[in-house]
Amino acid sequence: MDKEIISAGWAGESELSFEAAMERLEIIVGRLENGDVPLEQAIELFQQGMKLSHLCGKKLEQVERKIEILVEENGSLAKKPFAAGADEG
């Protein structure tokens, strides 16, 4: 079944949800960590994993751009864009 999940739907990879891409990535990592796949298949799995990792990164960046935080300025609330990695202290 893992093989079906990994190979199914690669043509529409960019349409995967973040969760579906992460699930596929976890399966690939598990198979590679087991070390019981032939070299050619391991290379293919690695390439698919890199594509999924890139896809997940892009989806996270899109979400970060959409997030706004509310901050209090001079007694009123104001919307500010989310700044990833900003100091919270």
C-alpha atoms as a PDB file:
ATOM      1  CA  MET A   1       0.000   0.000   0.000  1.00  0.00           C
ATOM      2  CA  ASP A   2       2.869   2.409   0.751  1.00  0.00           C
ATOM      3  CA  LYS A   3       4.095   2.002  -2.801  1.00  0.00           C
ATOM      4  CA  GLU A   4       0.628   2.913  -4.117  1.00  0.00           C
ATOM      5  CA  ILE A   5       0.485   6.035  -1.952  1.00  0.00           C
ATOM      6  CA  ILE A   6       3.920   7.138  -3.087  1.00  0.00           C
ATOM      7  CA  SER A   7       3.434   6.532  -6.793  1.00  0.00           C
ATOM      8  CA  ALA A   8      -0.219   7.592  -7.038  1.00  0.00           C
ATOM      9  CA  GLY A   9      -1.008  11.030  -8.342  1.00  0.00           C
ATOM     10  CA  TRP A  10       2.462  12.423  -8.962  1.00  0.00           C
ATOM     11  CA  ALA A  11       1.232  14.272 -12.019  1.00  0.00           C
ATOM     12  CA  GLY A  12      -0.965  16.439  -9.758  1.00  0.00           C
ATOM     13  CA  GLU A  13       1.664  16.830  -7.064  1.00  0.00           C
ATOM     14  CA  SER A  14       1.311  20.628  -6.839  1.00  0.00           C
ATOM     15  CA  GLU A  15      -2.392  20.174  -6.060  1.00  0.00           C
ATOM     16  CA  LEU A  16      -1.674  18.100  -2.940  1.00  0.00           C
ATOM     17  CA  SER A  17      -2.677  19.556   0.373  1.00  0.00           C
ATOM     18  CA  PHE A  18       0.083  20.239   2.873  1.00  0.00           C
ATOM     19  CA  GLU A  19      -1.112  17.314   4.990  1.00  0.00           C
ATOM     20  CA  ALA A  20      -1.171  14.874   2.055  1.00  0.00           C
ATOM     21  CA  ALA A  21       2.311  15.945   0.960  1.00  0.00           C
ATOM     22  CA  MET A  22       3.630  15.508   4.518  1.00  0.00           C
ATOM     23  CA  GLU A  23       2.049  12.052   4.742  1.00  0.00           C
ATOM     24  CA  ARG A  24       3.720  10.971   1.509  1.00  0.00           C
ATOM     25  CA  LEU A  25       7.010  12.474   2.660  1.00  0.00           C
ATOM     26  CA  GLU A  26       6.849  10.560   5.954  1.00  0.00           C
ATOM     27  CA  ILE A  27       6.250   7.302   4.065  1.00  0.00           C
ATOM     28  CA  ILE A  28       9.216   7.975   1.797  1.00  0.00           C
ATOM     29  CA  VAL A  29      11.493   8.813   4.719  1.00  0.00           C
ATOM     30  CA  GLY A  30      10.422   5.626   6.508  1.00  0.00           C
ATOM     31  CA  ARG A  31      11.196   3.486   3.478  1.00  0.00           C
ATOM     32  CA  LEU A  32      14.585   5.136   2.991  1.00  0.00           C
ATOM     33  CA  GLU A  33      15.444   4.758   6.687  1.00  0.00           C
ATOM     34  CA  ASN A  34      14.648   1.039   6.538  1.00  0.00           C
ATOM     35  CA  GLY A  35      17.338   0.666   3.898  1.00  0.00           C
ATOM     36  CA  ASP A  36      15.597  -2.275   2.231  1.00  0.00           C
ATOM     37  CA  VAL A  37      14.995  -0.618  -1.151  1.00  0.00           C
ATOM     38  CA  PRO A  38      17.255  -1.114  -4.171  1.00  0.00           C
ATOM     39  CA  LEU A  39      19.551   1.772  -5.060  1.00  0.00           C
ATOM     40  CA  GLU A  40      17.598   2.856  -8.153  1.00  0.00           C
ATOM     41  CA  GLN A  41      14.347   2.959  -6.194  1.00  0.00           C
ATOM     42  CA  ALA A  42      16.054   4.772  -3.304  1.00  0.00           C
ATOM     43  CA  ILE A  43      17.225   7.470  -5.718  1.00  0.00           C
ATOM     44  CA  GLU A  44      13.705   7.818  -7.130  1.00  0.00           C
ATOM     45  CA  LEU A  45      12.221   8.004  -3.618  1.00  0.00           C
ATOM     46  CA  PHE A  46      14.803  10.602  -2.625  1.00  0.00           C
ATOM     47  CA  GLN A  47      13.921  12.755  -5.648  1.00  0.00           C
ATOM     48  CA  GLN A  48      10.204  12.484  -4.886  1.00  0.00           C
ATOM     49  CA  GLY A  49      10.916  13.362  -1.262  1.00  0.00           C
ATOM     50  CA  MET A  50      12.840  16.461  -2.285  1.00  0.00           C
ATOM     51  CA  LYS A  51       9.953  17.588  -4.497  1.00  0.00           C
ATOM     52  CA  LEU A  52       7.506  17.065  -1.637  1.00  0.00           C
ATOM     53  CA  SER A  53       9.773  18.901   0.788  1.00  0.00           C
ATOM     54  CA  HIS A  54       9.964  21.855  -1.593  1.00  0.00           C
ATOM     55  CA  LEU A  55       6.183  21.787  -2.063  1.00  0.00           C
ATOM     56  CA  CYS A  56       5.605  21.815   1.713  1.00  0.00           C
ATOM     57  CA  GLY A  57       8.038  24.706   2.110  1.00  0.00           C
ATOM     58  CA  LYS A  58       6.224  26.721  -0.551  1.00  0.00           C
ATOM     59  CA  LYS A  59       2.845  26.043   1.056  1.00  0.00           C
ATOM     60  CA  LEU A  60       4.167  27.167   4.457  1.00  0.00           C
ATOM     61  CA  GLU A  61       5.539  30.376   2.927  1.00  0.00           C
ATOM     62  CA  GLN A  62       2.135  31.087   1.370  1.00  0.00           C
ATOM     63  CA  VAL A  63       0.443  30.628   4.733  1.00  0.00           C
ATOM     64  CA  GLU A  64       2.957  32.892   6.482  1.00  0.00           C
ATOM     65  CA  ARG A  65       2.189  35.660   3.995  1.00  0.00           C
ATOM     66  CA  LYS A  66      -1.518  35.337   4.769  1.00  0.00           C
ATOM     67  CA  ILE A  67      -1.159  35.433   8.535  1.00  0.00           C
ATOM     68  CA  GLU A  68      -1.649  38.746  10.216  1.00  0.00           C
ATOM     69  CA  ILE A  69      -1.154  39.406  13.881  1.00  0.00           C
ATOM     70  CA  LEU A  70      -2.987  41.879  15.994  1.00  0.00           C
ATOM     71  CA  VAL A  71      -0.835  44.150  18.101  1.00  0.00           C
ATOM     72  CA  GLU A  72      -1.776  46.849  20.507  1.00  0.00           C
ATOM     73  CA  GLU A  73      -0.552  50.287  19.529  1.00  0.00           C
ATOM     74  CA  ASN A  74      -1.454  53.353  21.545  1.00  0.00           C
ATOM     75  CA  GLY A  75      -4.468  51.698  23.121  1.00  0.00           C
ATOM     76  CA  SER A  76      -5.962  50.306  19.914  1.00  0.00           C
ATOM     77  CA  LEU A  77      -5.496  47.104  17.976  1.00  0.00           C
ATOM     78  CA  ALA A  78      -3.721  47.204  14.628  1.00  0.00           C
ATOM     79  CA  LYS A  79      -3.101  44.505  12.027  1.00  0.00           C
ATOM     80  CA  LYS A  80       0.526  43.767  11.248  1.00  0.00           C
ATOM     81  CA  PRO A  81       1.940  41.252   8.794  1.00  0.00           C
ATOM     82  CA  PHE A  82       3.378  38.118  10.318  1.00  0.00           C
ATOM     83  CA  ALA A  83       7.163  38.307  10.575  1.00  0.00           C
ATOM     84  CA  ALA A  84       8.621  34.808  10.719  1.00  0.00           C
ATOM     85  CA  GLY A  85      11.475  34.534  13.162  1.00  0.00           C
ATOM     86  CA  ALA A  86      10.700  37.828  14.860  1.00  0.00           C
ATOM     87  CA  ASP A  87      11.751  38.131  18.471  1.00  0.00           C
ATOM     88  CA  GLU A  88       8.853  37.540  20.819  1.00  0.00           C
ATOM     89  CA  GLY A  89      10.496  38.755  23.981  1.00  0.00           C
END
